[in-house]
Amino acid sequence: MAATRKSSRRRSSSGRRYGAGASRSVESAMRRRKRGTLKSGPGGKGGRVNSRKQAIAIGLSEAREKGAKVPRRRSSSASSRSRSRRGGSTGRSSGGRTRARS
């Protein structure tokens, strides 16, 4: 019983979601973010990146361009479909509170 549990926990190299090349490009993007040289947008004209999540997204995007093993992006229509199923709105709400004016 213990042997089957151990093997099911560990993925084989072919079952990995992200390849080694993807990992390297994300690490590179994180390093550039720390140094303050990571920029977003085409040609880096979107400004400097401070967000950790944005750095990871940029690294994965670069890995995709190089042809590394990276899962497909979720399509925007799929994410909005799941949001509508949950009953959430797409815009931000105030949560029933109003700002006090003075």
Protein backbone atom coordinates (compact mmCIF):
# COMPACT_ATOMS: atom_id res chain seq x y z
CA MET A 1 0.00 0.00 0.00
CA ALA A 2 2.79 2.42 0.88
CA ALA A 3 4.57 1.78 -2.44
CA THR A 4 1.52 2.74 -4.51
CA ARG A 5 0.96 5.91 -2.52
CA LYS A 6 4.59 6.96 -3.00
CA SER A 7 4.52 6.43 -6.76
CA SER A 8 1.25 8.32 -7.21
CA ARG A 9 2.63 11.38 -5.40
CA ARG A 10 5.69 11.70 -7.61
CA ARG A 11 5.33 12.65 -11.27
CA SER A 12 7.49 11.14 -13.94
CA SER A 13 9.58 13.45 -16.12
CA SER A 14 7.08 13.10 -18.98
CA GLY A 15 4.19 14.12 -16.70
CA ARG A 16 5.73 17.45 -15.69
CA ARG A 17 3.64 20.49 -16.49
CA TYR A 18 6.57 22.86 -16.95
CA GLY A 19 9.84 21.98 -18.64
CA ALA A 20 13.33 22.87 -17.41
CA GLY A 21 13.61 25.66 -20.00
CA ALA A 22 10.46 27.28 -18.62
CA SER A 23 11.90 27.14 -15.12
CA ARG A 24 15.12 28.81 -16.28
CA SER A 25 13.31 31.66 -18.04
CA VAL A 26 11.10 32.33 -14.98
CA GLU A 27 14.20 32.37 -12.75
CA SER A 28 15.84 34.82 -15.15
CA ALA A 29 12.77 37.08 -15.11
CA MET A 30 12.70 37.01 -11.30
CA ARG A 31 16.38 37.99 -11.16
CA ARG A 32 15.80 40.86 -13.59
CA ARG A 33 12.85 42.02 -11.48
CA LYS A 34 15.05 42.09 -8.37
CA ARG A 35 17.69 44.11 -10.19
CA GLY A 36 15.01 46.46 -11.52
CA THR A 37 15.72 45.77 -15.19
CA LEU A 38 12.58 43.74 -16.01
CA LYS A 39 10.18 45.72 -18.17
CA SER A 40 6.74 44.90 -19.47
CA GLY A 41 5.06 45.48 -22.80
CA PRO A 42 6.39 45.33 -26.35
CA GLY A 43 9.95 46.64 -26.44
CA GLY A 44 9.85 47.22 -22.69
CA LYS A 45 7.81 50.38 -23.15
CA GLY A 46 5.25 49.41 -20.50
CA GLY A 47 7.49 50.40 -17.61
CA ARG A 48 9.34 48.56 -14.86
CA VAL A 49 7.85 45.47 -13.24
CA ASN A 50 7.63 45.25 -9.45
CA SER A 51 5.02 42.54 -9.09
CA ARG A 52 6.22 38.97 -8.47
CA LYS A 53 3.21 37.53 -10.30
CA GLN A 54 3.83 39.73 -13.32
CA ALA A 55 7.48 38.63 -13.40
CA ILE A 56 6.41 34.96 -13.43
CA ALA A 57 3.93 35.66 -16.24
CA ILE A 58 6.61 37.40 -18.29
CA GLY A 59 9.03 34.50 -17.73
CA LEU A 60 6.43 31.96 -18.85
CA SER A 61 5.58 34.07 -21.88
CA GLU A 62 9.25 34.23 -22.88
CA ALA A 63 9.51 30.45 -22.41
CA ARG A 64 6.52 29.94 -24.72
CA GLU A 65 8.19 32.06 -27.40
CA LYS A 66 11.34 29.93 -27.15
CA GLY A 67 9.26 26.75 -27.48
CA ALA A 68 9.72 25.43 -23.93
CA LYS A 69 7.18 23.07 -22.39
CA VAL A 70 4.59 25.38 -20.83
CA PRO A 71 0.83 24.75 -20.54
CA ARG A 72 -1.43 26.82 -22.75
CA ARG A 73 -2.75 30.11 -21.43
CA ARG A 74 -6.30 30.09 -20.19
CA SER A 75 -8.48 31.84 -22.71
CA SER A 76 -10.22 34.97 -21.47
CA SER A 77 -13.62 33.58 -22.48
CA ALA A 78 -13.09 30.51 -20.29
CA SER A 79 -12.19 32.57 -17.24
CA SER A 80 -15.20 34.87 -17.69
CA ARG A 81 -17.42 31.81 -18.15
CA SER A 82 -16.31 30.35 -14.81
CA ARG A 83 -16.75 33.76 -13.15
CA SER A 84 -20.33 34.01 -14.39
CA ARG A 85 -21.04 30.48 -13.14
CA ARG A 86 -19.96 31.49 -9.65
CA GLY A 87 -22.18 34.54 -9.78
CA GLY A 88 -19.36 37.06 -9.42
CA SER A 89 -19.31 40.33 -11.30
CA THR A 90 -16.46 41.37 -13.53
CA GLY A 91 -16.12 44.87 -12.02
CA ARG A 92 -15.08 45.80 -8.52
CA SER A 93 -17.81 46.45 -6.01
CA SER A 94 -17.66 48.52 -2.85
CA GLY A 95 -18.92 45.62 -0.75
CA GLY A 96 -22.01 47.54 0.38
CA ARG A 97 -19.99 50.26 2.03
CA THR A 98 -19.91 53.88 1.05
CA ARG A 99 -17.05 56.25 1.65
CA ALA A 100 -17.65 58.72 4.48
CA ARG A 101 -17.49 62.31 3.32
CA SER A 102 -16.35 65.16 5.52
